[in-house]
Amino acid sequence: MVRSRLLFVSLMLIVALGGRSAAGEILIGVAAPLTGRLAWYGEQYQRAVELALDEINESGGPLGRQVDLVLGDDACIDERGPALARSLVERGVVAVIGHTCSGVAIAAAPIYEAAGIVMISGSATNPALTEAGRPNVFRTVGRDDLQGKLAGDYLAEHHTHDRIAILFEEDVYVRGLAVETRKRLHELGLEEALFLGFDDVRTFDWGGLVQRLTDERIDVIYFPARSPDVALFVRYAAEAGERFDIIGGDSLHSEDFWLMAGAAGEGIIFTSVPDARTLPTAAHVVDRFRDAGYEPEGYTLYVYAALQAWAQAITQAGTFDPAAVMRVLREADFETVLGTIGFDAKGDVTGYDPFTWYVWKDGEYVLLERTGMKE
């Protein structure tokens, strides 16, 4: 079993447990929300990396070296990204898997670039992450300009004559996806009735929002927020006796949404990364997760694929030298749980269609096309 060390990063203090790595030891970092309201995303990262490293080490390790793990907690708070990045650099990691949230990833990326450390995110979808052109940055998920186009196309096709509201919180990921969808809607000649952003969702007046949407005679709502926030909104709407058509983004592909929303979440559709659990290339890994009592939903297998690509790049490069590894990551293909993938010149993933449509039905999210609903 791979050993792991944990870095907790607060706004004022960085505590690194275990000191510097031993001479010659290979360390890889994970940067994710291990605490806070988005901690289940952090669990996906931790579970994925631990199992991937177990398999990599069991096969002898990259270039015959065993790899240990340093866990870093950023709580998906943008301001913590640079502090955690500096801590991981100080620990001597050779690569970082993460960050989970787009805003944190964007804030941390320059620090890893300056240190010559590969960074691969399995969940950060904001286009700015790779548009910056940093040679060390990669991701195994699609970009929100693609996801926003998909959502905008759907709204234009199925809600041409409806009053559309686009809601967002002031978060890099959420606002970015809302803006991309609005941009596509405008390209298609449609205007939303309401484009509304708000700040702190933890103290937000959800009941007041429901009333405003009712007063504005809104028919359909695009709300690409985090799953707890969408869940709260749909519950308030249900309690007020209002039923809007609601469309979400990729953060809704977690059982935690249903745990919070309950029956109020029935029928909500959303764009998301393909469910990799259904892929033949992921079957043995899914079995291992389930044997351990864990369901590898959401981004889990996308994080797992990030580790696979990194290890194979080292093997193909024949060295841990970061420049050589980055070059191979951009030029080669990699056999992963997602199938054969690669990365383009910007570091964006290639090899599969990055987004599709899902709907919440009877407590599970299923492909929209399988329900007979419109897609």
Protein backbone atom coordinates (compact mmCIF):
# COMPACT_ATOMS: atom_id res chain seq x y z
CA MET A 1 0.00 0.00 0.00
CA VAL A 2 1.34 3.41 -0.98
CA ARG A 3 2.33 5.60 1.94
CA SER A 4 0.83 9.07 2.09
CA ARG A 5 1.61 12.23 4.03
CA LEU A 6 -0.87 15.02 4.54
CA LEU A 7 -0.36 18.77 4.17
CA PHE A 8 -3.07 20.94 5.71
CA VAL A 9 -2.95 24.50 4.39
CA SER A 10 -4.77 27.30 6.19
CA LEU A 11 -4.96 30.94 5.20
CA MET A 12 -2.30 31.92 7.71
CA LEU A 13 -0.23 28.81 8.30
CA ILE A 14 1.32 25.95 6.37
CA VAL A 15 2.14 22.77 8.28
CA ALA A 16 4.18 20.15 6.46
CA LEU A 17 4.12 16.80 8.18
CA GLY A 18 7.16 14.61 7.89
CA GLY A 19 9.73 17.20 6.77
CA ARG A 20 11.75 16.89 3.61
CA SER A 21 11.64 13.70 1.60
CA ALA A 22 14.39 11.17 2.07
CA ALA A 23 17.23 11.25 -0.42
CA GLY A 24 16.29 9.55 -3.65
CA GLU A 25 12.62 9.16 -2.70
CA ILE A 26 10.07 9.81 -5.46
CA LEU A 27 7.13 11.88 -4.23
CA ILE A 28 3.99 12.87 -6.09
CA GLY A 29 1.58 15.48 -4.73
CA VAL A 30 -2.19 15.57 -4.68
CA ALA A 31 -3.90 18.96 -4.35
CA ALA A 32 -7.60 18.69 -3.53
CA PRO A 33 -10.32 19.75 -1.06
CA LEU A 34 -9.80 17.16 1.66
CA THR A 35 -11.86 19.27 4.07
CA GLY A 36 -14.74 21.69 3.68
CA ARG A 37 -18.05 21.53 1.88
CA LEU A 38 -16.51 20.03 -1.29
CA ALA A 39 -14.56 17.33 0.51
CA TRP A 40 -16.14 14.50 -1.48
CA TYR A 41 -14.22 15.75 -4.52
CA GLY A 42 -11.08 15.47 -2.42
CA GLU A 43 -12.00 11.92 -1.52
CA GLN A 44 -12.29 11.11 -5.22
CA TYR A 45 -8.77 12.46 -5.76
CA GLN A 46 -7.27 10.67 -2.78
CA ARG A 47 -8.91 7.32 -3.56
CA ALA A 48 -7.92 7.51 -7.21
CA VAL A 49 -4.29 8.40 -6.63
CA GLU A 50 -3.79 5.89 -3.85
CA LEU A 51 -5.13 3.00 -5.95
CA ALA A 52 -3.31 4.12 -9.08
CA LEU A 53 -0.02 4.36 -7.22
CA ASP A 54 -0.61 0.94 -5.66
CA GLU A 55 -0.94 -0.55 -9.14
CA ILE A 56 2.02 1.42 -10.50
CA ASN A 57 4.23 0.41 -7.58
CA GLU A 58 3.05 -3.22 -7.73
CA SER A 59 4.25 -3.35 -11.34
CA GLY A 60 7.71 -2.16 -10.28
CA GLY A 61 7.20 1.60 -10.40
CA PRO A 62 8.25 4.08 -13.12
CA LEU A 63 11.84 3.32 -14.13
CA GLY A 64 11.99 0.83 -11.26
CA ARG A 65 11.35 3.47 -8.59
CA GLN A 66 8.65 3.30 -5.93
CA VAL A 67 6.47 6.40 -5.55
CA ASP A 68 5.00 7.82 -2.35
CA LEU A 69 2.20 10.31 -2.00
CA VAL A 70 1.91 13.72 -0.36
CA LEU A 71 -1.69 14.82 0.18
CA GLY A 72 -2.41 18.55 0.14
CA ASP A 73 -5.66 20.17 1.24
CA ASP A 74 -6.70 23.41 -0.48
CA ALA A 75 -10.44 23.22 0.44
CA CYS A 76 -11.17 24.49 -3.11
CA ILE A 77 -10.45 28.03 -1.92
CA ASP A 78 -8.58 30.02 -4.57
CA GLU A 79 -6.35 31.88 -2.12
CA ARG A 80 -4.98 28.62 -0.71
CA GLY A 81 -3.70 27.38 -4.04
CA PRO A 82 -0.37 29.24 -4.11
CA ALA A 83 0.40 28.42 -0.46
CA LEU A 84 -0.21 24.72 -1.01
CA ALA A 85 1.76 24.79 -4.27
CA ARG A 86 4.78 26.31 -2.52
CA SER A 87 4.52 23.63 0.18
CA LEU A 88 4.46 20.81 -2.35
CA VAL A 89 7.41 22.32 -4.21
CA GLU A 90 9.31 22.54 -0.92
CA ARG A 91 8.57 18.88 -0.23
CA GLY A 92 10.25 17.98 -3.50
CA VAL A 93 7.35 16.40 -5.40
CA VAL A 94 8.08 15.59 -9.04
CA ALA A 95 4.47 16.08 -10.16
CA VAL A 96 1.13 17.25 -8.81
CA ILE A 97 -2.25 15.70 -9.52
CA GLY A 98 -4.77 18.53 -9.15
CA HIS A 99 -5.89 21.03 -8.30
CA THR A 100 -9.53 20.00 -8.23
CA CYS A 101 -11.24 23.39 -8.64
CA SER A 102 -10.47 25.67 -11.57
CA GLY A 103 -9.80 28.84 -9.59
CA VAL A 104 -7.29 27.11 -7.33
CA ALA A 105 -5.63 25.35 -10.26
CA ILE A 106 -5.20 28.63 -12.16
CA ALA A 107 -3.73 30.34 -9.10
CA ALA A 108 -1.27 27.52 -8.36
CA ALA A 109 -0.10 26.73 -11.90
CA PRO A 110 2.57 29.48 -12.17
CA ILE A 111 4.31 28.21 -9.04
CA TYR A 112 4.60 24.70 -10.43
CA GLU A 113 5.76 26.10 -13.76
CA ALA A 114 8.55 28.07 -12.09
CA ALA A 115 9.64 24.91 -10.27
CA GLY A 116 9.47 22.74 -13.40
CA ILE A 117 6.78 20.47 -11.94
CA VAL A 118 4.16 18.70 -14.04
CA MET A 119 0.58 19.47 -13.01
CA ILE A 120 -2.32 17.31 -14.24
CA SER A 121 -5.88 18.05 -13.16
CA GLY A 122 -8.64 15.49 -13.41
CA SER A 123 -11.47 17.98 -12.90
CA ALA A 124 -10.58 21.65 -13.55
CA THR A 125 -12.53 22.65 -16.66
CA ASN A 126 -12.11 26.43 -16.99
CA PRO A 127 -10.47 27.26 -20.36
CA ALA A 128 -8.05 29.76 -18.79
CA LEU A 129 -6.11 26.94 -17.14
CA THR A 130 -4.60 25.76 -20.42
CA GLU A 131 -5.04 28.95 -22.46
CA ALA A 132 -2.23 30.46 -20.37
CA GLY A 133 0.16 28.31 -22.41
CA ARG A 134 2.14 26.90 -19.48
CA PRO A 135 4.21 23.91 -20.66
CA ASN A 136 3.72 22.01 -17.39
CA VAL A 137 -0.11 22.08 -17.23
CA PHE A 138 -2.39 19.27 -18.43
CA ARG A 139 -5.90 18.02 -17.75
CA THR A 140 -7.78 14.78 -18.40
CA VAL A 141 -11.22 16.46 -18.59
CA GLY A 142 -12.75 18.73 -21.21
CA ARG A 143 -13.02 22.52 -21.22
CA ASP A 144 -16.00 24.66 -20.34
CA ASP A 145 -16.11 26.40 -23.69
CA LEU A 146 -17.08 22.97 -25.07
CA GLN A 147 -19.48 22.29 -22.20
CA GLY A 148 -21.03 25.75 -22.51
CA LYS A 149 -21.57 25.24 -26.24
CA LEU A 150 -23.41 22.00 -25.50
CA ALA A 151 -25.64 23.71 -22.93
CA GLY A 152 -26.28 26.72 -25.16
CA ASP A 153 -27.23 24.48 -28.07
CA TYR A 154 -29.69 22.60 -25.86
CA LEU A 155 -31.32 25.77 -24.59
CA ALA A 156 -31.66 27.14 -28.11
CA GLU A 157 -33.16 23.92 -29.45
CA HIS A 158 -35.57 23.08 -26.64
CA HIS A 159 -36.37 26.42 -24.99
CA THR A 160 -36.54 28.88 -27.89
CA HIS A 161 -39.77 30.50 -26.70
CA ASP A 162 -39.16 30.18 -22.93
CA ARG A 163 -37.90 32.78 -20.54
CA ILE A 164 -34.38 31.67 -19.62
CA ALA A 165 -32.46 32.59 -16.48
CA ILE A 166 -28.73 31.98 -16.14
CA LEU A 167 -27.65 31.91 -12.49
CA PHE A 168 -24.11 31.73 -11.15
CA GLU A 169 -22.06 32.33 -8.07
CA GLU A 170 -18.85 34.35 -8.17
CA ASP A 171 -16.54 31.39 -8.60
CA VAL A 172 -14.08 30.90 -11.46
CA TYR A 173 -15.63 27.60 -12.54
CA VAL A 174 -19.30 28.52 -12.06
CA ARG A 175 -19.16 32.00 -13.57
CA GLY A 176 -16.96 30.75 -16.40
CA LEU A 177 -19.42 28.06 -17.41
CA ALA A 178 -22.34 30.49 -17.16
CA VAL A 179 -20.52 32.99 -19.40
CA GLU A 180 -19.64 30.32 -21.98
CA THR A 181 -23.26 29.16 -22.15
CA ARG A 182 -24.56 32.72 -22.45
CA LYS A 183 -22.01 33.39 -25.22
CA ARG A 184 -23.27 30.39 -27.20
CA LEU A 185 -26.89 31.38 -26.65
CA HIS A 186 -26.16 34.83 -28.06
CA GLU A 187 -24.31 33.32 -31.03
CA LEU A 188 -27.54 31.46 -31.83
CA GLY A 189 -29.57 34.66 -31.71
CA LEU A 190 -31.27 34.16 -28.33
CA GLU A 191 -31.23 36.35 -25.23
CA GLU A 192 -31.69 35.26 -21.65
CA ALA A 193 -34.34 37.01 -19.56
CA LEU A 194 -32.08 37.13 -16.51
CA PHE A 195 -28.31 36.83 -15.98
CA LEU A 196 -27.82 36.86 -12.23
CA GLY A 197 -24.70 36.36 -10.12
CA PHE A 198 -24.35 36.33 -6.35
CA ASP A 199 -21.55 36.09 -3.83
CA ASP A 200 -21.59 33.97 -0.69
CA VAL A 201 -23.93 31.02 -1.26
CA ARG A 202 -23.56 29.96 2.38
CA THR A 203 -25.65 32.95 3.48
CA PHE A 204 -27.68 33.44 0.32
CA ASP A 205 -31.46 34.04 0.43
CA TRP A 206 -32.60 31.07 -1.63
CA GLY A 207 -36.24 31.72 -0.83
CA GLY A 208 -35.92 35.27 -2.12
CA LEU A 209 -34.31 33.98 -5.31
CA VAL A 210 -37.17 31.56 -5.91
CA GLN A 211 -39.66 34.39 -5.47
CA ARG A 212 -37.75 36.64 -7.88
CA LEU A 213 -37.65 33.94 -10.53
CA THR A 214 -41.37 33.41 -10.09
CA ASP A 215 -42.05 37.13 -10.40
CA GLU A 216 -39.88 37.26 -13.53
CA ARG A 217 -41.97 34.42 -15.03
CA ILE A 218 -38.86 32.29 -15.62
CA ASP A 219 -39.46 28.94 -17.32
CA VAL A 220 -36.00 27.38 -17.46
CA ILE A 221 -32.90 27.96 -15.37
CA TYR A 222 -29.29 27.26 -16.28
CA PHE A 223 -27.43 26.98 -12.97
CA PRO A 224 -23.95 25.40 -13.32
CA ALA A 225 -23.07 25.71 -9.62
CA ARG A 226 -21.56 23.17 -7.21
CA SER A 227 -23.86 20.31 -6.31
CA PRO A 228 -24.65 21.51 -2.73
CA ASP A 229 -25.82 24.88 -4.04
CA VAL A 230 -27.99 23.47 -6.81
CA ALA A 231 -29.43 20.99 -4.30
CA LEU A 232 -30.34 23.78 -1.88
CA PHE A 233 -31.95 25.79 -4.64
CA VAL A 234 -34.15 22.96 -5.93
CA ARG A 235 -35.26 22.13 -2.39
CA TYR A 236 -36.29 25.72 -1.72
CA ALA A 237 -38.12 25.81 -5.05
CA ALA A 238 -39.94 22.57 -4.25
CA GLU A 239 -40.91 23.79 -0.78
CA ALA A 240 -42.33 26.96 -2.38
CA GLY A 241 -44.37 24.85 -4.78
CA GLU A 242 -42.39 26.02 -7.81
CA ARG A 243 -41.07 23.67 -10.43
CA PHE A 244 -38.65 25.16 -12.93
CA ASP A 245 -36.84 23.28 -15.66
CA ILE A 246 -33.28 23.25 -14.30
CA ILE A 247 -30.10 22.50 -16.21
CA GLY A 248 -26.75 22.09 -14.48
CA GLY A 249 -23.09 21.47 -15.18
CA ASP A 250 -20.63 18.67 -14.52
CA SER A 251 -20.47 19.10 -10.75
CA LEU A 252 -23.87 17.37 -10.45
CA HIS A 253 -22.44 13.94 -11.22
CA SER A 254 -22.17 12.95 -7.58
CA GLU A 255 -24.48 11.01 -5.28
CA ASP A 256 -24.06 13.85 -2.81
CA PHE A 257 -26.38 15.94 -4.98
CA TRP A 258 -29.21 13.47 -4.49
CA LEU A 259 -28.46 13.09 -0.79
CA MET A 260 -29.05 16.81 -0.38
CA ALA A 261 -31.75 17.43 -3.00
CA GLY A 262 -33.79 14.28 -2.51
CA ALA A 263 -36.88 13.91 -4.68
CA ALA A 264 -36.63 17.60 -5.63
CA GLY A 265 -33.68 16.62 -7.84
CA GLU A 266 -35.77 14.27 -9.97
CA GLY A 267 -35.58 15.13 -13.66
CA ILE A 268 -32.77 17.68 -13.45
CA ILE A 269 -30.51 17.38 -16.47
CA PHE A 270 -26.86 18.33 -16.70
CA THR A 271 -23.80 18.11 -18.88
CA SER A 272 -20.92 16.06 -17.55
CA VAL A 273 -17.86 14.08 -18.44
CA PRO A 274 -18.71 10.59 -19.70
CA ASP A 275 -19.26 8.05 -16.93
CA ALA A 276 -15.99 6.15 -17.23
CA ARG A 277 -17.27 3.34 -15.01
CA THR A 278 -19.02 1.92 -18.08
CA LEU A 279 -15.85 1.66 -20.18
CA PRO A 280 -14.29 -1.78 -20.79
CA THR A 281 -10.87 -0.20 -20.25
CA ALA A 282 -11.88 0.73 -16.69
CA ALA A 283 -13.53 -2.57 -15.69
CA HIS A 284 -10.72 -4.06 -13.60
CA VAL A 285 -10.06 -0.78 -11.80
CA VAL A 286 -13.77 -0.29 -11.07
CA ASP A 287 -13.83 -3.80 -9.61
CA ARG A 288 -10.88 -3.00 -7.36
CA PHE A 289 -12.56 0.14 -6.09
CA ARG A 290 -15.81 -1.68 -5.41
CA ASP A 291 -14.00 -4.55 -3.70
CA ALA A 292 -12.60 -1.90 -1.36
CA GLY A 293 -16.11 -0.58 -0.68
CA TYR A 294 -15.81 2.57 -2.77
CA GLU A 295 -17.88 3.61 -5.78
CA PRO A 296 -15.59 5.43 -8.29
CA GLU A 297 -18.09 8.04 -9.45
CA GLY A 298 -17.55 11.58 -10.67
CA TYR A 299 -13.96 12.50 -11.45
CA THR A 300 -12.38 9.46 -9.78
CA LEU A 301 -11.35 7.64 -12.95
CA TYR A 302 -10.25 10.87 -14.63
CA VAL A 303 -7.82 11.39 -11.76
CA TYR A 304 -6.73 7.77 -12.05
CA ALA A 305 -6.03 8.33 -15.77
CA ALA A 306 -3.87 11.34 -14.90
CA LEU A 307 -1.57 9.09 -12.85
CA GLN A 308 -1.45 6.51 -15.61
CA ALA A 309 -0.46 9.10 -18.21
CA TRP A 310 2.23 10.55 -15.93
CA ALA A 311 3.79 7.14 -15.19
CA GLN A 312 3.74 6.10 -18.85
CA ALA A 313 5.29 9.41 -19.89
CA ILE A 314 8.20 8.81 -17.52
CA THR A 315 8.69 5.32 -18.90
CA GLN A 316 8.63 6.58 -22.49
CA ALA A 317 10.95 9.48 -21.67
CA GLY A 318 13.33 7.14 -19.83
CA THR A 319 13.88 9.83 -17.23
CA PHE A 320 12.17 11.87 -14.52
CA ASP A 321 13.54 15.06 -16.08
CA PRO A 322 10.48 17.36 -16.17
CA ALA A 323 11.17 18.90 -19.57
CA ALA A 324 11.43 15.46 -21.15
CA VAL A 325 8.29 14.23 -19.39
CA MET A 326 6.32 17.31 -20.49
CA ARG A 327 7.44 16.78 -24.07
CA VAL A 328 6.29 13.16 -24.06
CA LEU A 329 2.96 14.10 -22.49
CA ARG A 330 2.28 16.41 -25.44
CA GLU A 331 3.53 14.06 -28.14
CA ALA A 332 2.55 10.53 -27.12
CA ASP A 333 -0.62 8.51 -26.53
CA PHE A 334 -1.37 6.74 -23.26
CA GLU A 335 -3.41 3.67 -22.43
CA THR A 336 -5.67 4.55 -19.51
CA VAL A 337 -8.97 3.69 -17.88
CA LEU A 338 -10.49 6.28 -20.24
CA GLY A 339 -9.08 4.43 -23.26
CA THR A 340 -6.29 5.82 -25.41
CA ILE A 341 -5.79 9.50 -24.61
CA GLY A 342 -3.29 12.21 -25.41
CA PHE A 343 -2.82 15.93 -24.86
CA ASP A 344 -2.74 18.72 -27.41
CA ALA A 345 -0.26 21.58 -27.57
CA LYS A 346 -2.11 23.45 -24.83
CA GLY A 347 -2.31 20.45 -22.51
CA ASP A 348 -5.99 19.69 -23.13
CA VAL A 349 -7.01 16.05 -23.31
CA THR A 350 -7.71 14.31 -26.61
CA GLY A 351 -9.10 10.89 -27.42
CA TYR A 352 -12.77 11.02 -26.35
CA ASP A 353 -15.86 13.22 -26.55
CA PRO A 354 -15.48 15.32 -23.41
CA PHE A 355 -19.13 15.95 -22.40
CA THR A 356 -22.55 14.36 -22.68
CA TRP A 357 -26.03 14.73 -21.16
CA TYR A 358 -27.31 13.07 -17.99
CA VAL A 359 -30.50 13.24 -15.96
CA TRP A 360 -31.26 12.47 -12.31
CA LYS A 361 -33.82 9.65 -12.20
CA ASP A 362 -34.87 7.62 -9.16
CA GLY A 363 -31.78 8.63 -7.20
CA GLU A 364 -29.27 7.89 -9.94
CA TYR A 365 -27.85 9.89 -12.82
CA VAL A 366 -28.30 8.14 -16.15
CA LEU A 367 -27.66 9.05 -19.77
CA LEU A 368 -30.43 11.34 -20.94
CA GLU A 369 -30.84 9.46 -24.20
CA ARG A 370 -31.72 6.26 -22.31
CA THR A 371 -34.76 7.88 -20.67
CA GLY A 372 -36.45 8.76 -23.92
CA MET A 373 -36.29 12.45 -22.99
CA LYS A 374 -35.16 15.00 -25.55
CA GLU A 375 -31.46 15.54 -26.02
